[in-house]
Amino acid sequence: MTKKRNASGKGASEQGRTGFLVLLIGGALFAIAVLYALGAFSFLSSNGSATQNEDDEQTSFVPEEKWLKRAYAIDDLFHEVYTAGWEGANGAIGDAFLYAVTGDSSLLRFHTVKHPMRDLFNGTWVDDRAWAALAEMYWWDFTGRTREEFVESAEIRYVEAKMQGRLSNHEGYWSWYNWPPESDVQDQIFTNSNMNQMVTVACWLYEATGKEEYLKDALKVWNGDGTVPGIEQVLYKGDGIWEGARGPAAFGKQLPWEGASYCAIGAALYNVTKDEKYRDIAVATARRIMDPATGWVDPDHYYQLRMDGNGAFVHFILDAYMLAPEELPGIPAKIERMLEHVWTNHFGRARVVLHRTSDHGIRNGWNPNGGEDGYGVDEVGTVHPQSQAVRAFGVFCYVLDRYVNQ
């Protein structure tokens, strides 16, 4: 039998040594790969600092500014009581604004690793999913508009609700509704301005995807379709005045917070269309609501006199301010007075607990005498009021950082 010639021309002993070295190097590389997968070399990407698990929520960020310290104190309890529903989504919105100010990666990890926002429950009412989608879109914006998973999740929430028929004109005008037409639901449809936060979602999705259908939806709700009117024609009376059906705040009242929600909707529409109409209505609405002569806020400390939902309320008013700071120059000072009133328990004179100093739990209603109308106004430190407080304090910190202290 003829032996085959070695192609390299090397002798058998040399070939054996080469094979041994290949096996040795290959084994070493395999061992390194295993160790890397197990995190043994994490120090290479941590500048020599101690290894930190992605699920570890401890942060090296230490706030120094007064309002950031307060926001973080409130946020600590929110993270303890967090649930993956609309309440958690409201707190996630507040955390997004804090992240924009601080760059604190532990906030991002909380809402992407430990509690991924895609797992937020859509809930029953359509505004529940709107808060979830808005949380995702704010995080998309504040993380550099590169993380498409946020957009994809928000888009699924929106498209599913639209396919269910919740964008409708069955009550005589175009709007988002909590349930599709002819739904066998005994609960009253409520809070048109909350349901139409889906318009704000549509504006974000148009900005993120460029799909014209989202902008068309948003414009149809506000302006109608030429035959059936939209919300402006039906509910807006001019000079910042919105009027809808009366009733209890949580069940039956069509426009909570005197229509403050439309500040956010108008701001979103202006941002994508640059039509001054939306800007003007948002500004007029905020100006009227925050004028004590209107009878809606306290003349000294600017908290709502009669209703809950203060975190979202603060955000809506600040949306109008960020749209036109030169036209609403006094808004940040009024919001600061409101939040100072909460933090100090109405400067020590409140008859109900607004700020529980033992753990920084915040009450859902901010009237120092209690007695407000709304959903869970007496709750302190549970996920509902705590998420609202995080949203209020977080957005305010952002406004201070980007607008006031520049």
Protein backbone atom coordinates (compact mmCIF):
# COMPACT_ATOMS: atom_id res chain seq x y z
CA MET A 1 0.00 0.00 0.00
CA THR A 2 1.39 3.32 -1.00
CA LYS A 3 1.58 5.94 1.76
CA LYS A 4 0.15 9.36 0.96
CA ARG A 5 2.63 12.17 0.92
CA ASN A 6 2.24 14.75 3.68
CA ALA A 7 1.05 17.91 1.93
CA SER A 8 3.09 20.20 4.15
CA GLY A 9 6.23 18.19 3.72
CA LYS A 10 6.59 17.95 7.54
CA GLY A 11 7.65 14.83 9.30
CA ALA A 12 5.29 12.72 11.37
CA SER A 13 6.77 13.81 14.70
CA GLU A 14 6.47 17.49 13.79
CA GLN A 15 2.90 16.97 12.62
CA GLY A 16 2.09 15.32 15.93
CA ARG A 17 3.52 18.24 17.85
CA THR A 18 1.44 20.65 15.73
CA GLY A 19 -1.71 18.68 16.40
CA PHE A 20 -1.00 18.73 20.12
CA LEU A 21 -0.55 22.51 20.08
CA VAL A 22 -3.80 22.95 18.14
CA LEU A 23 -5.65 20.85 20.70
CA LEU A 24 -4.02 22.75 23.56
CA ILE A 25 -4.86 26.17 22.12
CA GLY A 26 -8.38 25.07 21.22
CA GLY A 27 -8.95 23.78 24.74
CA ALA A 28 -7.68 27.03 26.22
CA LEU A 29 -9.96 29.08 23.97
CA PHE A 30 -12.91 26.91 24.92
CA ALA A 31 -12.14 27.39 28.61
CA ILE A 32 -11.89 31.15 28.12
CA ALA A 33 -15.25 31.18 26.31
CA VAL A 34 -16.89 29.28 29.17
CA LEU A 35 -15.42 31.62 31.76
CA TYR A 36 -16.54 34.65 29.74
CA ALA A 37 -20.06 33.29 29.51
CA LEU A 38 -20.07 32.85 33.27
CA GLY A 39 -19.00 36.47 33.75
CA ALA A 40 -15.48 35.81 34.95
CA PHE A 41 -14.06 38.67 32.88
CA SER A 42 -16.74 41.27 33.60
CA PHE A 43 -14.06 43.45 35.18
CA LEU A 44 -12.79 44.17 31.66
CA SER A 45 -15.92 46.18 30.91
CA SER A 46 -16.38 47.72 34.35
CA ASN A 47 -13.23 49.83 34.66
CA GLY A 48 -12.04 47.66 37.50
CA SER A 49 -15.19 48.21 39.59
CA ALA A 50 -16.96 45.43 41.43
CA THR A 51 -19.11 43.14 39.32
CA GLN A 52 -22.80 44.09 39.28
CA ASN A 53 -25.61 41.84 38.16
CA GLU A 54 -28.02 43.38 35.65
CA ASP A 55 -30.89 42.62 38.01
CA ASP A 56 -29.20 44.54 40.82
CA GLU A 57 -31.08 47.80 41.21
CA GLN A 58 -28.44 49.46 43.37
CA THR A 59 -27.19 52.62 41.75
CA SER A 60 -23.99 54.52 42.11
CA PHE A 61 -25.87 57.71 41.25
CA VAL A 62 -26.37 59.92 44.29
CA PRO A 63 -28.68 62.88 43.70
CA GLU A 64 -27.54 66.18 45.14
CA GLU A 65 -30.16 68.67 43.94
CA LYS A 66 -33.11 69.07 46.34
CA TRP A 67 -35.87 67.99 43.98
CA LEU A 68 -33.91 65.05 42.64
CA LYS A 69 -33.33 63.85 46.21
CA ARG A 70 -37.05 64.01 46.85
CA ALA A 71 -37.91 62.29 43.59
CA TYR A 72 -35.51 59.44 44.34
CA ALA A 73 -36.88 59.03 47.86
CA ILE A 74 -40.38 58.65 46.41
CA ASP A 75 -39.06 56.39 43.66
CA ASP A 76 -37.51 53.93 46.11
CA LEU A 77 -40.93 53.09 47.52
CA PHE A 78 -42.50 52.98 44.06
CA HIS A 79 -39.98 50.30 43.06
CA GLU A 80 -40.90 48.29 46.17
CA VAL A 81 -44.65 48.37 45.53
CA TYR A 82 -44.44 48.20 41.72
CA THR A 83 -47.02 46.20 39.78
CA ALA A 84 -47.07 45.64 36.03
CA GLY A 85 -50.26 47.51 35.27
CA TRP A 86 -51.28 51.05 34.38
CA GLU A 87 -50.03 52.27 37.75
CA GLY A 88 -46.59 50.86 37.07
CA ALA A 89 -46.67 52.50 33.65
CA ASN A 90 -47.27 55.93 35.17
CA GLY A 91 -44.24 55.47 37.39
CA ALA A 92 -42.23 54.26 34.41
CA ILE A 93 -43.03 57.57 32.71
CA GLY A 94 -41.69 59.45 35.72
CA ASP A 95 -38.58 57.28 35.78
CA ALA A 96 -37.99 58.00 32.08
CA PHE A 97 -37.83 61.72 32.83
CA LEU A 98 -35.50 61.10 35.77
CA TYR A 99 -33.29 59.00 33.52
CA ALA A 100 -33.17 61.83 30.99
CA VAL A 101 -31.81 64.10 33.72
CA THR A 102 -29.44 61.71 35.49
CA GLY A 103 -28.52 58.96 33.02
CA ASP A 104 -28.94 56.56 35.94
CA SER A 105 -28.68 53.11 34.37
CA SER A 106 -30.42 51.43 37.33
CA LEU A 107 -33.66 53.10 36.26
CA LEU A 108 -33.28 51.68 32.77
CA ARG A 109 -32.52 48.21 34.17
CA PHE A 110 -35.59 48.33 36.39
CA HIS A 111 -37.90 48.87 33.42
CA THR A 112 -36.12 46.68 30.88
CA VAL A 113 -34.49 43.82 32.80
CA LYS A 114 -36.31 43.31 36.07
CA HIS A 115 -39.69 44.58 34.85
CA PRO A 116 -39.67 44.74 31.04
CA MET A 117 -42.29 47.23 29.88
CA ARG A 118 -43.53 44.84 27.22
CA ASP A 119 -45.01 42.85 30.14
CA LEU A 120 -47.21 45.74 31.27
CA PHE A 121 -50.80 44.55 31.38
CA ASN A 122 -53.10 46.41 28.96
CA GLY A 123 -55.96 46.45 31.43
CA THR A 124 -59.64 46.95 30.68
CA TRP A 125 -60.04 50.63 29.87
CA VAL A 126 -58.27 51.89 26.79
CA ASP A 127 -56.36 54.54 28.72
CA ASP A 128 -54.66 51.75 30.69
CA ARG A 129 -52.84 50.62 27.56
CA ALA A 130 -52.25 54.24 26.58
CA TRP A 131 -50.16 54.79 29.74
CA ALA A 132 -48.20 51.61 28.98
CA ALA A 133 -47.54 52.63 25.38
CA LEU A 134 -46.58 56.16 26.43
CA ALA A 135 -44.10 54.78 28.95
CA GLU A 136 -42.48 52.77 26.18
CA MET A 137 -42.34 55.74 23.83
CA TYR A 138 -40.82 58.07 26.43
CA TRP A 139 -38.13 55.49 27.11
CA TRP A 140 -37.57 55.14 23.35
CA ASP A 141 -37.07 58.89 23.14
CA PHE A 142 -34.82 59.26 26.17
CA THR A 143 -32.60 56.29 25.26
CA GLY A 144 -31.64 57.88 21.94
CA ARG A 145 -34.50 56.64 19.76
CA THR A 146 -32.60 53.49 18.85
CA ARG A 147 -34.36 50.75 20.84
CA GLU A 148 -37.00 49.54 18.44
CA GLU A 149 -38.44 47.04 20.90
CA PHE A 150 -40.15 49.93 22.70
CA VAL A 151 -41.79 51.12 19.49
CA GLU A 152 -42.82 47.62 18.47
CA SER A 153 -44.50 46.93 21.79
CA ALA A 154 -46.35 50.26 21.82
CA GLU A 155 -47.46 49.70 18.23
CA ILE A 156 -48.90 46.30 19.07
CA ARG A 157 -50.91 47.80 21.94
CA TYR A 158 -52.26 50.55 19.68
CA VAL A 159 -53.11 48.39 16.67
CA GLU A 160 -54.83 45.78 18.82
CA ALA A 161 -57.09 48.42 20.41
CA LYS A 162 -57.94 49.91 17.02
CA MET A 163 -58.75 46.48 15.55
CA GLN A 164 -61.13 45.95 18.47
CA GLY A 165 -63.11 48.97 17.28
CA ARG A 166 -62.25 51.29 20.16
CA LEU A 167 -61.52 54.18 17.79
CA SER A 168 -65.10 54.99 16.86
CA ASN A 169 -67.75 57.65 16.23
CA HIS A 170 -70.62 55.67 17.77
CA GLU A 171 -71.47 58.44 20.24
CA GLY A 172 -71.74 61.01 17.47
CA TYR A 173 -68.14 62.17 17.32
CA TRP A 174 -64.74 60.62 16.68
CA SER A 175 -62.93 59.57 19.82
CA TRP A 176 -61.19 56.69 21.49
CA TYR A 177 -63.62 54.81 23.70
CA ASN A 178 -63.03 52.41 26.55
CA TRP A 179 -65.00 49.70 24.76
CA PRO A 180 -66.06 49.03 21.16
CA PRO A 181 -69.62 49.85 20.04
CA GLU A 182 -72.33 47.45 21.25
CA SER A 183 -70.10 46.05 24.00
CA ASP A 184 -72.05 44.40 26.78
CA VAL A 185 -70.38 46.35 29.58
CA GLN A 186 -72.31 47.83 32.50
CA ASP A 187 -69.51 50.13 33.63
CA GLN A 188 -69.87 53.76 32.56
CA ILE A 189 -67.58 55.05 29.87
CA PHE A 190 -65.58 57.83 31.48
CA THR A 191 -62.84 60.40 31.07
CA ASN A 192 -62.74 61.18 27.39
CA SER A 193 -59.50 63.10 27.83
CA ASN A 194 -57.83 60.04 29.38
CA MET A 195 -59.02 57.67 26.67
CA ASN A 196 -57.68 60.03 24.06
CA GLN A 197 -54.16 59.71 25.34
CA MET A 198 -54.20 57.15 22.53
CA VAL A 199 -54.00 60.22 20.28
CA THR A 200 -50.71 61.08 21.98
CA VAL A 201 -49.56 57.50 21.38
CA ALA A 202 -50.52 57.82 17.70
CA CYS A 203 -48.41 60.98 17.37
CA TRP A 204 -45.42 59.21 18.91
CA LEU A 205 -45.88 56.21 16.61
CA TYR A 206 -46.08 58.47 13.57
CA GLU A 207 -42.86 60.15 14.66
CA ALA A 208 -41.15 56.81 15.26
CA THR A 209 -42.37 54.89 12.21
CA GLY A 210 -43.38 57.52 9.65
CA LYS A 211 -46.64 55.64 9.02
CA GLU A 212 -49.26 58.15 7.88
CA GLU A 213 -52.13 56.08 9.31
CA TYR A 214 -51.18 57.09 12.83
CA LEU A 215 -51.21 60.79 12.05
CA LYS A 216 -54.55 60.41 10.23
CA ASP A 217 -56.04 58.71 13.29
CA ALA A 218 -54.82 61.49 15.58
CA LEU A 219 -56.13 64.28 13.36
CA LYS A 220 -59.49 62.56 12.90
CA VAL A 221 -60.06 62.35 16.64
CA TRP A 222 -59.29 66.03 17.14
CA ASN A 223 -60.82 67.49 13.96
CA GLY A 224 -63.34 64.92 12.75
CA ASP A 225 -63.52 63.60 9.21
CA GLY A 226 -65.51 66.37 7.51
CA THR A 227 -68.82 64.66 8.23
CA VAL A 228 -68.58 63.48 11.83
CA PRO A 229 -66.99 65.98 14.25
CA GLY A 230 -64.03 65.41 16.52
CA ILE A 231 -63.38 66.33 20.13
CA GLU A 232 -62.51 69.98 19.52
CA GLN A 233 -65.87 70.77 17.94
CA VAL A 234 -67.84 68.81 20.54
CA LEU A 235 -65.99 69.54 23.79
CA TYR A 236 -63.88 72.68 23.41
CA LYS A 237 -65.65 75.97 24.12
CA GLY A 238 -62.75 78.36 23.54
CA ASP A 239 -60.47 80.32 25.89
CA GLY A 240 -59.09 77.12 27.44
CA ILE A 241 -62.55 75.88 28.48
CA TRP A 242 -63.48 72.23 27.95
CA GLU A 243 -66.94 70.99 28.93
CA GLY A 244 -68.27 67.45 29.08
CA ALA A 245 -70.68 65.26 30.98
CA ARG A 246 -70.69 65.61 34.75
CA GLY A 247 -70.54 62.83 37.27
CA PRO A 248 -68.22 61.16 39.77
CA ALA A 249 -64.59 61.62 38.80
CA ALA A 250 -63.73 57.97 38.32
CA PHE A 251 -67.03 56.82 36.80
CA GLY A 252 -69.06 59.15 34.64
CA LYS A 253 -67.19 62.45 34.55
CA GLN A 254 -66.16 63.02 30.96
CA LEU A 255 -63.37 65.55 31.50
CA PRO A 256 -61.41 65.18 34.73
CA TRP A 257 -58.94 67.87 35.73
CA GLU A 258 -60.89 70.47 33.71
CA GLY A 259 -59.54 68.99 30.48
CA ALA A 260 -55.87 69.22 31.47
CA SER A 261 -55.22 66.02 29.53
CA TYR A 262 -55.79 67.95 26.31
CA CYS A 263 -52.63 69.92 27.03
CA ALA A 264 -50.65 66.73 26.36
CA ILE A 265 -52.74 65.80 23.33
CA GLY A 266 -52.46 69.29 21.85
CA ALA A 267 -48.72 69.34 22.48
CA ALA A 268 -48.30 65.98 20.74
CA LEU A 269 -50.28 67.15 17.71
CA TYR A 270 -48.34 70.40 17.49
CA ASN A 271 -45.03 68.53 17.67
CA VAL A 272 -45.86 66.48 14.58
CA THR A 273 -47.85 69.04 12.57
CA LYS A 274 -46.49 72.45 13.71
CA ASP A 275 -50.06 73.74 13.40
CA GLU A 276 -50.31 76.67 15.84
CA LYS A 277 -53.94 75.82 16.63
CA TYR A 278 -52.94 72.89 18.83
CA ARG A 279 -50.28 74.90 20.60
CA ASP A 280 -52.67 77.78 21.27
CA ILE A 281 -55.37 75.53 22.73
CA ALA A 282 -52.90 73.69 24.96
CA VAL A 283 -51.48 76.95 26.28
CA ALA A 284 -54.92 78.49 26.86
CA THR A 285 -56.05 75.35 28.71
CA ALA A 286 -53.05 75.32 31.04
CA ARG A 287 -53.27 79.05 31.67
CA ARG A 288 -56.94 78.85 32.61
CA ILE A 289 -56.62 75.79 34.84
CA MET A 290 -53.65 77.17 36.77
CA ASP A 291 -55.31 80.55 37.34
CA PRO A 292 -56.80 80.46 40.87
CA ALA A 293 -59.61 82.71 39.67
CA THR A 294 -60.95 79.71 37.78
CA GLY A 295 -61.60 78.01 41.11
CA TRP A 296 -59.80 74.80 40.27
CA VAL A 297 -56.52 75.21 42.20
CA ASP A 298 -55.62 76.64 45.59
CA PRO A 299 -54.64 80.32 45.28
CA ASP A 300 -51.43 79.93 47.31
CA HIS A 301 -50.18 76.39 46.72
CA TYR A 302 -51.90 75.48 43.42
CA TYR A 303 -52.95 71.93 44.34
CA GLN A 304 -56.26 70.65 42.92
CA LEU A 305 -59.07 71.41 45.31
CA ARG A 306 -61.47 68.62 44.36
CA MET A 307 -59.93 65.73 42.44
CA ASP A 308 -57.25 63.04 42.40
CA GLY A 309 -54.74 62.15 39.69
CA ASN A 310 -52.24 64.80 40.60
CA GLY A 311 -49.18 63.20 39.03
CA ALA A 312 -50.70 63.04 35.57
CA PHE A 313 -52.19 66.50 36.13
CA VAL A 314 -48.74 67.96 36.80
CA HIS A 315 -47.35 66.27 33.69
CA PHE A 316 -50.13 67.61 31.46
CA ILE A 317 -49.65 71.18 32.66
CA LEU A 318 -45.89 70.92 32.19
CA ASP A 319 -46.44 69.56 28.67
CA ALA A 320 -48.11 72.87 27.85
CA TYR A 321 -45.28 74.78 29.53
CA MET A 322 -42.59 72.92 27.58
CA LEU A 323 -44.50 73.71 24.41
CA ALA A 324 -44.46 77.47 25.07
CA PRO A 325 -42.35 78.44 28.09
CA GLU A 326 -42.31 82.07 27.04
CA GLU A 327 -46.13 82.19 27.22
CA LEU A 328 -46.43 80.32 30.52
CA PRO A 329 -43.43 81.60 32.49
CA GLY A 330 -45.07 81.23 35.90
CA ILE A 331 -45.98 77.54 35.58
CA PRO A 332 -42.79 76.00 37.04
CA ALA A 333 -43.01 78.19 40.15
CA LYS A 334 -46.64 77.17 40.65
CA ILE A 335 -45.80 73.49 40.29
CA GLU A 336 -42.94 73.92 42.74
CA ARG A 337 -45.33 75.47 45.27
CA MET A 338 -47.68 72.52 44.75
CA LEU A 339 -44.98 69.90 45.28
CA GLU A 340 -43.52 71.76 48.27
CA HIS A 341 -46.98 71.75 49.82
CA VAL A 342 -47.13 67.96 49.40
CA TRP A 343 -43.62 67.27 50.66
CA THR A 344 -44.08 69.39 53.80
CA ASN A 345 -47.62 68.18 54.54
CA HIS A 346 -48.96 71.63 53.78
CA PHE A 347 -46.13 73.10 55.85
CA GLY A 348 -47.15 70.95 58.79
CA ARG A 349 -50.81 71.98 58.76
CA ALA A 350 -52.44 69.23 56.68
CA ARG A 351 -55.30 67.31 58.30
CA VAL A 352 -54.55 64.23 56.21
CA VAL A 353 -51.15 62.69 55.48
CA LEU A 354 -49.85 63.96 52.15
CA HIS A 355 -46.26 62.77 52.63
CA ARG A 356 -45.55 59.87 54.99
CA THR A 357 -42.05 60.71 56.12
CA SER A 358 -41.22 57.20 57.39
CA ASP A 359 -41.00 55.77 53.87
CA HIS A 360 -41.89 58.75 51.63
CA GLY A 361 -45.29 57.40 50.73
CA ILE A 362 -47.39 60.03 48.96
CA ARG A 363 -51.19 60.41 49.12
CA ASN A 364 -53.19 60.19 45.90
CA GLY A 365 -55.26 63.29 46.65
CA TRP A 366 -53.35 66.44 47.57
CA ASN A 367 -56.03 68.54 49.28
CA PRO A 368 -54.71 69.02 52.85
CA ASN A 369 -58.24 68.71 54.22
CA GLY A 370 -59.14 65.57 52.24
CA GLY A 371 -62.60 65.02 50.85
CA GLU A 372 -61.66 64.92 47.16
CA ASP A 373 -63.65 63.11 44.48
CA GLY A 374 -61.79 60.42 42.58
CA TYR A 375 -60.23 56.98 42.48
CA GLY A 376 -58.51 55.96 45.71
CA VAL A 377 -57.91 59.50 46.89
CA ASP A 378 -57.06 58.38 50.44
CA GLU A 379 -54.42 55.84 49.40
CA VAL A 380 -50.90 56.60 50.64
CA GLY A 381 -47.80 54.84 49.33
CA THR A 382 -49.53 52.10 47.36
CA VAL A 383 -48.60 51.65 43.72
CA HIS A 384 -51.38 53.93 42.42
CA PRO A 385 -50.50 57.15 44.31
CA GLN A 386 -46.78 56.40 44.41
CA SER A 387 -46.59 56.04 40.64
CA GLN A 388 -48.44 59.31 40.20
CA ALA A 389 -46.03 61.02 42.57
CA VAL A 390 -43.00 59.66 40.71
CA ARG A 391 -44.48 61.00 37.50
CA ALA A 392 -45.09 64.46 38.97
CA PHE A 393 -41.71 64.81 40.64
CA GLY A 394 -39.84 63.21 37.72
CA VAL A 395 -41.28 65.49 35.06
CA PHE A 396 -40.75 68.52 37.30
CA CYS A 397 -37.06 67.61 37.76
CA TYR A 398 -36.76 67.39 33.97
CA VAL A 399 -38.32 70.83 33.50
CA LEU A 400 -36.00 72.32 36.09
CA ASP A 401 -32.98 70.77 34.38
CA ARG A 402 -33.88 71.55 30.75
CA TYR A 403 -35.82 74.81 31.00
CA VAL A 404 -35.54 76.63 34.31
CA ASN A 405 -31.93 76.16 35.38
CA GLN A 406 -30.31 76.62 31.98
